[in-house]
Amino acid sequence: MSTVKERPAWVKDKKVADDFEVIDVPRWDDYKDFKTDMGSYVLIKIYRDRHEIGVAVCDYQHTILKEFRGRRAQDIYVAIFNFQEVNKLAWFNRFDHAAYVGKELKKAEICLALGSDYYQE
């Protein structure tokens, strides 16, 4: 990774930290860099007839623990993470897993709105 210390040109009215730097990130390798979140995995499905997205949270014995349904990505992931917190569960232990769920939910939301097929990565 390389770093640059200069102030970004697009920053107009913000201060930058004394130790500010721009960090160029390496390209993610879907196979070598992937790490399993040992808490759970999710299955995401579009329900066109109800105009909803469903997220099944599964354990590693391949049991569906809960399914959350809603129309917007943000509504669903907020509900999942709130449910996890209130019930003191450990479904999502890695930030990259939580980010993946958000990304996939937004893709599903866009596919639902456009009427196109959704395929989970």
N, C-alpha and C. Protein backbone atom coordinates (compact mmCIF):
# COMPACT_ATOMS: atom_id res chain seq x y z
N MET A 1 0.84 -1.18 0.00
CA MET A 1 0.00 0.00 0.00
C MET A 1 0.88 1.24 0.00
N SER A 2 0.51 2.17 -0.81
CA SER A 2 1.24 3.42 -0.82
C SER A 2 0.39 4.50 -0.16
N THR A 3 1.05 5.53 0.33
CA THR A 3 0.32 6.61 0.98
C THR A 3 0.75 7.95 0.39
N VAL A 4 -0.18 8.90 0.43
CA VAL A 4 0.07 10.26 -0.04
C VAL A 4 -0.32 11.20 1.09
N LYS A 5 0.49 12.20 1.37
CA LYS A 5 0.24 13.11 2.47
C LYS A 5 -0.47 14.40 2.07
N GLU A 6 -0.61 14.69 0.79
CA GLU A 6 -1.18 15.97 0.38
C GLU A 6 -2.68 16.01 0.60
N ARG A 7 -3.17 17.21 0.79
CA ARG A 7 -4.60 17.46 1.02
C ARG A 7 -5.37 17.19 -0.27
N PRO A 8 -6.47 16.42 -0.20
CA PRO A 8 -7.26 16.17 -1.41
C PRO A 8 -7.86 17.47 -1.95
N ALA A 9 -7.85 17.64 -3.24
CA ALA A 9 -8.36 18.86 -3.87
C ALA A 9 -9.85 19.06 -3.63
N TRP A 10 -10.60 18.00 -3.46
CA TRP A 10 -12.05 18.13 -3.29
C TRP A 10 -12.45 18.56 -1.88
N VAL A 11 -11.51 18.56 -0.95
CA VAL A 11 -11.80 19.00 0.42
C VAL A 11 -11.66 20.51 0.48
N LYS A 12 -12.77 21.20 0.72
CA LYS A 12 -12.76 22.67 0.70
C LYS A 12 -12.82 23.26 2.11
N ASP A 13 -13.80 22.87 2.90
CA ASP A 13 -14.04 23.54 4.17
C ASP A 13 -13.79 22.64 5.38
N LYS A 14 -13.02 21.59 5.21
CA LYS A 14 -12.74 20.67 6.30
C LYS A 14 -11.27 20.73 6.67
N LYS A 15 -11.00 20.50 7.94
CA LYS A 15 -9.61 20.35 8.38
C LYS A 15 -9.16 18.93 8.09
N VAL A 16 -7.88 18.73 8.01
CA VAL A 16 -7.35 17.37 7.94
C VAL A 16 -6.42 17.18 9.12
N ALA A 17 -6.36 15.95 9.62
CA ALA A 17 -5.53 15.63 10.77
C ALA A 17 -4.05 15.83 10.43
N ASP A 18 -3.25 16.09 11.46
CA ASP A 18 -1.81 16.26 11.25
C ASP A 18 -1.19 15.02 10.62
N ASP A 19 -1.72 13.85 10.97
CA ASP A 19 -1.18 12.61 10.42
C ASP A 19 -2.03 12.08 9.25
N PHE A 20 -2.81 12.99 8.62
CA PHE A 20 -3.65 12.62 7.49
C PHE A 20 -2.82 12.01 6.38
N GLU A 21 -3.39 10.99 5.73
CA GLU A 21 -2.77 10.42 4.54
C GLU A 21 -3.84 9.74 3.70
N VAL A 22 -3.62 9.67 2.40
CA VAL A 22 -4.48 8.93 1.49
C VAL A 22 -3.86 7.56 1.34
N ILE A 23 -4.65 6.53 1.56
CA ILE A 23 -4.14 5.16 1.49
C ILE A 23 -4.73 4.48 0.26
N ASP A 24 -3.87 4.11 -0.67
CA ASP A 24 -4.30 3.35 -1.85
C ASP A 24 -4.45 1.89 -1.43
N VAL A 25 -5.64 1.35 -1.63
CA VAL A 25 -5.92 0.00 -1.17
C VAL A 25 -5.63 -1.03 -2.25
N PRO A 26 -5.17 -2.20 -1.84
CA PRO A 26 -4.93 -3.26 -2.84
C PRO A 26 -6.25 -3.85 -3.32
N ARG A 27 -6.22 -4.45 -4.46
CA ARG A 27 -7.42 -5.10 -5.02
C ARG A 27 -7.76 -6.34 -4.20
N TRP A 28 -9.04 -6.49 -3.88
CA TRP A 28 -9.55 -7.63 -3.11
C TRP A 28 -9.61 -8.85 -4.02
N ASP A 29 -9.10 -9.97 -3.55
CA ASP A 29 -9.20 -11.24 -4.27
C ASP A 29 -10.32 -12.04 -3.64
N ASP A 30 -11.37 -12.34 -4.41
CA ASP A 30 -12.55 -13.01 -3.88
C ASP A 30 -12.24 -14.37 -3.24
N TYR A 31 -11.17 -15.00 -3.64
CA TYR A 31 -10.86 -16.33 -3.11
C TYR A 31 -9.79 -16.27 -2.02
N LYS A 32 -8.68 -15.61 -2.29
CA LYS A 32 -7.59 -15.59 -1.31
C LYS A 32 -7.89 -14.74 -0.09
N ASP A 33 -8.64 -13.65 -0.28
CA ASP A 33 -8.88 -12.72 0.83
C ASP A 33 -10.13 -13.02 1.64
N PHE A 34 -10.99 -13.91 1.15
CA PHE A 34 -12.25 -14.21 1.83
C PHE A 34 -12.00 -14.92 3.16
N LYS A 35 -12.71 -14.46 4.21
CA LYS A 35 -12.67 -15.11 5.52
C LYS A 35 -14.11 -15.31 5.96
N THR A 36 -14.42 -16.49 6.43
CA THR A 36 -15.77 -16.81 6.86
C THR A 36 -16.07 -16.16 8.20
N ASP A 37 -17.26 -15.60 8.32
CA ASP A 37 -17.76 -15.12 9.60
C ASP A 37 -18.36 -16.34 10.28
N MET A 38 -17.79 -16.74 11.39
CA MET A 38 -18.22 -17.98 12.02
C MET A 38 -19.58 -17.86 12.72
N GLY A 39 -20.17 -16.67 12.73
CA GLY A 39 -21.46 -16.50 13.37
C GLY A 39 -22.63 -16.99 12.54
N SER A 40 -22.65 -16.63 11.25
CA SER A 40 -23.79 -16.98 10.41
C SER A 40 -23.46 -16.71 8.95
N TYR A 41 -24.39 -17.11 8.10
CA TYR A 41 -24.37 -16.67 6.71
C TYR A 41 -25.81 -16.31 6.34
N VAL A 42 -25.99 -15.62 5.23
CA VAL A 42 -27.32 -15.19 4.84
C VAL A 42 -27.66 -15.65 3.43
N LEU A 43 -28.96 -15.84 3.21
CA LEU A 43 -29.51 -16.12 1.90
C LEU A 43 -30.51 -15.00 1.60
N ILE A 44 -30.38 -14.39 0.44
CA ILE A 44 -31.21 -13.24 0.11
C ILE A 44 -32.08 -13.59 -1.10
N LYS A 45 -33.36 -13.26 -1.01
CA LYS A 45 -34.32 -13.59 -2.06
C LYS A 45 -35.26 -12.42 -2.28
N ILE A 46 -35.68 -12.24 -3.51
CA ILE A 46 -36.70 -11.25 -3.85
C ILE A 46 -38.05 -11.95 -3.93
N TYR A 47 -39.05 -11.35 -3.27
CA TYR A 47 -40.43 -11.82 -3.37
C TYR A 47 -41.18 -10.79 -4.23
N ARG A 48 -41.26 -11.04 -5.51
CA ARG A 48 -41.87 -10.08 -6.43
C ARG A 48 -43.36 -9.87 -6.14
N ASP A 49 -44.06 -10.95 -5.80
CA ASP A 49 -45.50 -10.84 -5.58
C ASP A 49 -45.83 -9.93 -4.40
N ARG A 50 -44.95 -9.84 -3.44
CA ARG A 50 -45.16 -8.98 -2.26
C ARG A 50 -44.36 -7.68 -2.35
N HIS A 51 -43.51 -7.60 -3.37
CA HIS A 51 -42.59 -6.48 -3.54
C HIS A 51 -41.72 -6.30 -2.29
N GLU A 52 -41.11 -7.43 -1.87
CA GLU A 52 -40.26 -7.44 -0.69
C GLU A 52 -38.98 -8.21 -0.95
N ILE A 53 -38.03 -7.96 -0.07
CA ILE A 53 -36.76 -8.69 -0.06
C ILE A 53 -36.75 -9.50 1.23
N GLY A 54 -36.32 -10.75 1.13
CA GLY A 54 -36.19 -11.60 2.30
C GLY A 54 -34.73 -11.94 2.56
N VAL A 55 -34.35 -11.92 3.83
CA VAL A 55 -33.00 -12.31 4.23
C VAL A 55 -33.13 -13.40 5.27
N ALA A 56 -32.66 -14.59 4.92
CA ALA A 56 -32.65 -15.71 5.85
C ALA A 56 -31.27 -15.76 6.51
N VAL A 57 -31.23 -15.70 7.83
CA VAL A 57 -29.99 -15.83 8.59
C VAL A 57 -29.85 -17.30 8.95
N CYS A 58 -28.72 -17.91 8.57
CA CYS A 58 -28.52 -19.35 8.73
C CYS A 58 -27.29 -19.63 9.59
N ASP A 59 -27.36 -20.75 10.31
CA ASP A 59 -26.16 -21.19 11.03
C ASP A 59 -25.39 -22.16 10.13
N TYR A 60 -24.25 -22.63 10.62
CA TYR A 60 -23.41 -23.48 9.78
C TYR A 60 -23.80 -24.95 9.82
N GLN A 61 -24.94 -25.25 10.45
CA GLN A 61 -25.56 -26.57 10.29
C GLN A 61 -26.64 -26.45 9.21
N HIS A 62 -26.67 -25.28 8.54
CA HIS A 62 -27.57 -24.97 7.43
C HIS A 62 -29.03 -24.94 7.88
N THR A 63 -29.24 -24.43 9.09
CA THR A 63 -30.57 -24.22 9.63
C THR A 63 -30.91 -22.74 9.50
N ILE A 64 -32.07 -22.45 8.93
CA ILE A 64 -32.52 -21.06 8.85
C ILE A 64 -33.02 -20.67 10.23
N LEU A 65 -32.38 -19.67 10.82
CA LEU A 65 -32.72 -19.24 12.17
C LEU A 65 -33.88 -18.24 12.17
N LYS A 66 -33.81 -17.25 11.31
CA LYS A 66 -34.83 -16.22 11.19
C LYS A 66 -34.84 -15.73 9.75
N GLU A 67 -35.99 -15.21 9.32
CA GLU A 67 -36.05 -14.51 8.04
C GLU A 67 -36.61 -13.12 8.30
N PHE A 68 -35.95 -12.14 7.74
CA PHE A 68 -36.37 -10.74 7.84
C PHE A 68 -36.86 -10.33 6.46
N ARG A 69 -38.01 -9.65 6.41
CA ARG A 69 -38.56 -9.19 5.13
C ARG A 69 -38.87 -7.71 5.19
N GLY A 70 -38.61 -7.06 4.10
CA GLY A 70 -38.89 -5.64 3.99
C GLY A 70 -38.73 -5.17 2.57
N ARG A 71 -38.97 -3.89 2.36
CA ARG A 71 -38.91 -3.33 1.01
C ARG A 71 -37.62 -2.59 0.72
N ARG A 72 -36.96 -2.09 1.77
CA ARG A 72 -35.75 -1.30 1.55
C ARG A 72 -34.57 -1.95 2.26
N ALA A 73 -33.40 -1.88 1.63
CA ALA A 73 -32.18 -2.46 2.19
C ALA A 73 -31.92 -1.95 3.60
N GLN A 74 -31.99 -0.65 3.78
CA GLN A 74 -31.66 -0.07 5.08
C GLN A 74 -32.62 -0.55 6.17
N ASP A 75 -33.91 -0.64 5.86
CA ASP A 75 -34.87 -1.14 6.85
C ASP A 75 -34.49 -2.54 7.32
N ILE A 76 -34.09 -3.38 6.36
CA ILE A 76 -33.80 -4.78 6.67
C ILE A 76 -32.52 -4.92 7.46
N TYR A 77 -31.41 -4.30 7.01
CA TYR A 77 -30.18 -4.51 7.75
C TYR A 77 -30.21 -3.87 9.13
N VAL A 78 -30.91 -2.75 9.28
CA VAL A 78 -31.05 -2.15 10.61
C VAL A 78 -31.83 -3.10 11.52
N ALA A 79 -32.90 -3.69 10.99
CA ALA A 79 -33.70 -4.63 11.79
C ALA A 79 -32.88 -5.85 12.20
N ILE A 80 -32.08 -6.38 11.27
CA ILE A 80 -31.26 -7.56 11.58
C ILE A 80 -30.25 -7.22 12.67
N PHE A 81 -29.52 -6.12 12.51
CA PHE A 81 -28.49 -5.78 13.48
C PHE A 81 -29.08 -5.39 14.83
N ASN A 82 -30.25 -4.73 14.83
CA ASN A 82 -30.92 -4.43 16.10
C ASN A 82 -31.38 -5.71 16.79
N PHE A 83 -31.95 -6.65 16.03
CA PHE A 83 -32.39 -7.92 16.58
C PHE A 83 -31.21 -8.66 17.21
N GLN A 84 -30.09 -8.67 16.49
CA GLN A 84 -28.88 -9.33 17.00
C GLN A 84 -28.44 -8.71 18.32
N GLU A 85 -28.43 -7.37 18.37
CA GLU A 85 -27.98 -6.67 19.57
C GLU A 85 -28.93 -6.90 20.75
N VAL A 86 -30.22 -6.73 20.52
CA VAL A 86 -31.21 -6.88 21.60
C VAL A 86 -31.19 -8.29 22.17
N ASN A 87 -31.01 -9.28 21.30
CA ASN A 87 -31.04 -10.68 21.72
C ASN A 87 -29.67 -11.25 22.04
N LYS A 88 -28.65 -10.38 22.05
CA LYS A 88 -27.28 -10.76 22.40
C LYS A 88 -26.80 -11.98 21.60
N LEU A 89 -27.00 -11.89 20.29
CA LEU A 89 -26.58 -12.94 19.37
C LEU A 89 -25.24 -12.57 18.75
N ALA A 90 -24.59 -13.54 18.17
CA ALA A 90 -23.29 -13.30 17.53
C ALA A 90 -23.34 -13.75 16.07
N TRP A 91 -24.35 -13.25 15.35
CA TRP A 91 -24.49 -13.62 13.95
C TRP A 91 -23.44 -12.98 13.07
N PHE A 92 -23.13 -11.70 13.31
CA PHE A 92 -22.20 -10.96 12.46
C PHE A 92 -21.04 -10.47 13.32
N ASN A 93 -19.89 -11.09 13.14
CA ASN A 93 -18.72 -10.78 13.94
C ASN A 93 -17.65 -10.03 13.15
N ARG A 94 -17.80 -10.00 11.85
CA ARG A 94 -16.81 -9.35 10.98
C ARG A 94 -17.47 -8.17 10.28
N PHE A 95 -16.77 -7.04 10.28
CA PHE A 95 -17.29 -5.85 9.61
C PHE A 95 -17.47 -6.09 8.11
N ASP A 96 -16.55 -6.84 7.50
CA ASP A 96 -16.69 -7.08 6.06
C ASP A 96 -17.93 -7.91 5.75
N HIS A 97 -18.34 -8.77 6.66
CA HIS A 97 -19.56 -9.55 6.47
C HIS A 97 -20.79 -8.64 6.54
N ALA A 98 -20.81 -7.75 7.52
CA ALA A 98 -21.91 -6.79 7.64
C ALA A 98 -21.98 -5.88 6.41
N ALA A 99 -20.82 -5.45 5.92
CA ALA A 99 -20.78 -4.60 4.73
C ALA A 99 -21.29 -5.37 3.51
N TYR A 100 -20.92 -6.64 3.41
CA TYR A 100 -21.38 -7.50 2.31
C TYR A 100 -22.91 -7.60 2.32
N VAL A 101 -23.50 -7.80 3.51
CA VAL A 101 -24.96 -7.89 3.62
C VAL A 101 -25.60 -6.60 3.12
N GLY A 102 -25.07 -5.46 3.54
CA GLY A 102 -25.60 -4.18 3.07
C GLY A 102 -25.50 -4.02 1.57
N LYS A 103 -24.36 -4.41 1.01
CA LYS A 103 -24.16 -4.30 -0.45
C LYS A 103 -25.13 -5.20 -1.19
N GLU A 104 -25.27 -6.43 -0.75
CA GLU A 104 -26.18 -7.36 -1.42
C GLU A 104 -27.64 -6.93 -1.29
N LEU A 105 -28.00 -6.40 -0.13
CA LEU A 105 -29.37 -5.92 0.04
C LEU A 105 -29.67 -4.75 -0.90
N LYS A 106 -28.72 -3.86 -1.07
CA LYS A 106 -28.94 -2.74 -1.99
C LYS A 106 -29.08 -3.25 -3.42
N LYS A 107 -28.27 -4.23 -3.80
CA LYS A 107 -28.41 -4.83 -5.13
C LYS A 107 -29.79 -5.44 -5.30
N ALA A 108 -30.26 -6.16 -4.28
CA ALA A 108 -31.59 -6.78 -4.34
C ALA A 108 -32.67 -5.71 -4.46
N GLU A 109 -32.51 -4.62 -3.71
CA GLU A 109 -33.49 -3.52 -3.76
C GLU A 109 -33.55 -2.92 -5.16
N ILE A 110 -32.41 -2.71 -5.78
CA ILE A 110 -32.35 -2.15 -7.13
C ILE A 110 -32.98 -3.11 -8.13
N CYS A 111 -32.66 -4.41 -8.02
CA CYS A 111 -33.24 -5.41 -8.91
C CYS A 111 -34.75 -5.47 -8.76
N LEU A 112 -35.23 -5.38 -7.53
CA LEU A 112 -36.67 -5.39 -7.28
C LEU A 112 -37.34 -4.18 -7.95
N ALA A 113 -36.72 -3.02 -7.81
CA ALA A 113 -37.28 -1.79 -8.40
C ALA A 113 -37.27 -1.84 -9.93
N LEU A 114 -36.21 -2.43 -10.50
CA LEU A 114 -36.08 -2.48 -11.96
C LEU A 114 -36.80 -3.67 -12.59
N GLY A 115 -37.22 -4.62 -11.76
CA GLY A 115 -37.86 -5.81 -12.29
C GLY A 115 -36.89 -6.81 -12.88
N SER A 116 -35.61 -6.71 -12.53
CA SER A 116 -34.62 -7.63 -13.06
C SER A 116 -34.34 -8.73 -12.04
N ASP A 117 -33.67 -9.78 -12.51
CA ASP A 117 -33.34 -10.90 -11.64
C ASP A 117 -32.22 -10.52 -10.69
N TYR A 118 -32.27 -11.08 -9.48
CA TYR A 118 -31.23 -10.84 -8.48
C TYR A 118 -30.47 -12.14 -8.27
N TYR A 119 -29.15 -12.05 -8.28
CA TYR A 119 -28.28 -13.19 -8.00
C TYR A 119 -27.33 -12.78 -6.89
N GLN A 120 -27.36 -13.52 -5.81
CA GLN A 120 -26.49 -13.22 -4.66
C GLN A 120 -25.06 -13.66 -4.97
N GLU A 121 -24.09 -12.79 -4.68
CA GLU A 121 -22.68 -13.15 -4.87
C GLU A 121 -22.24 -14.04 -3.75
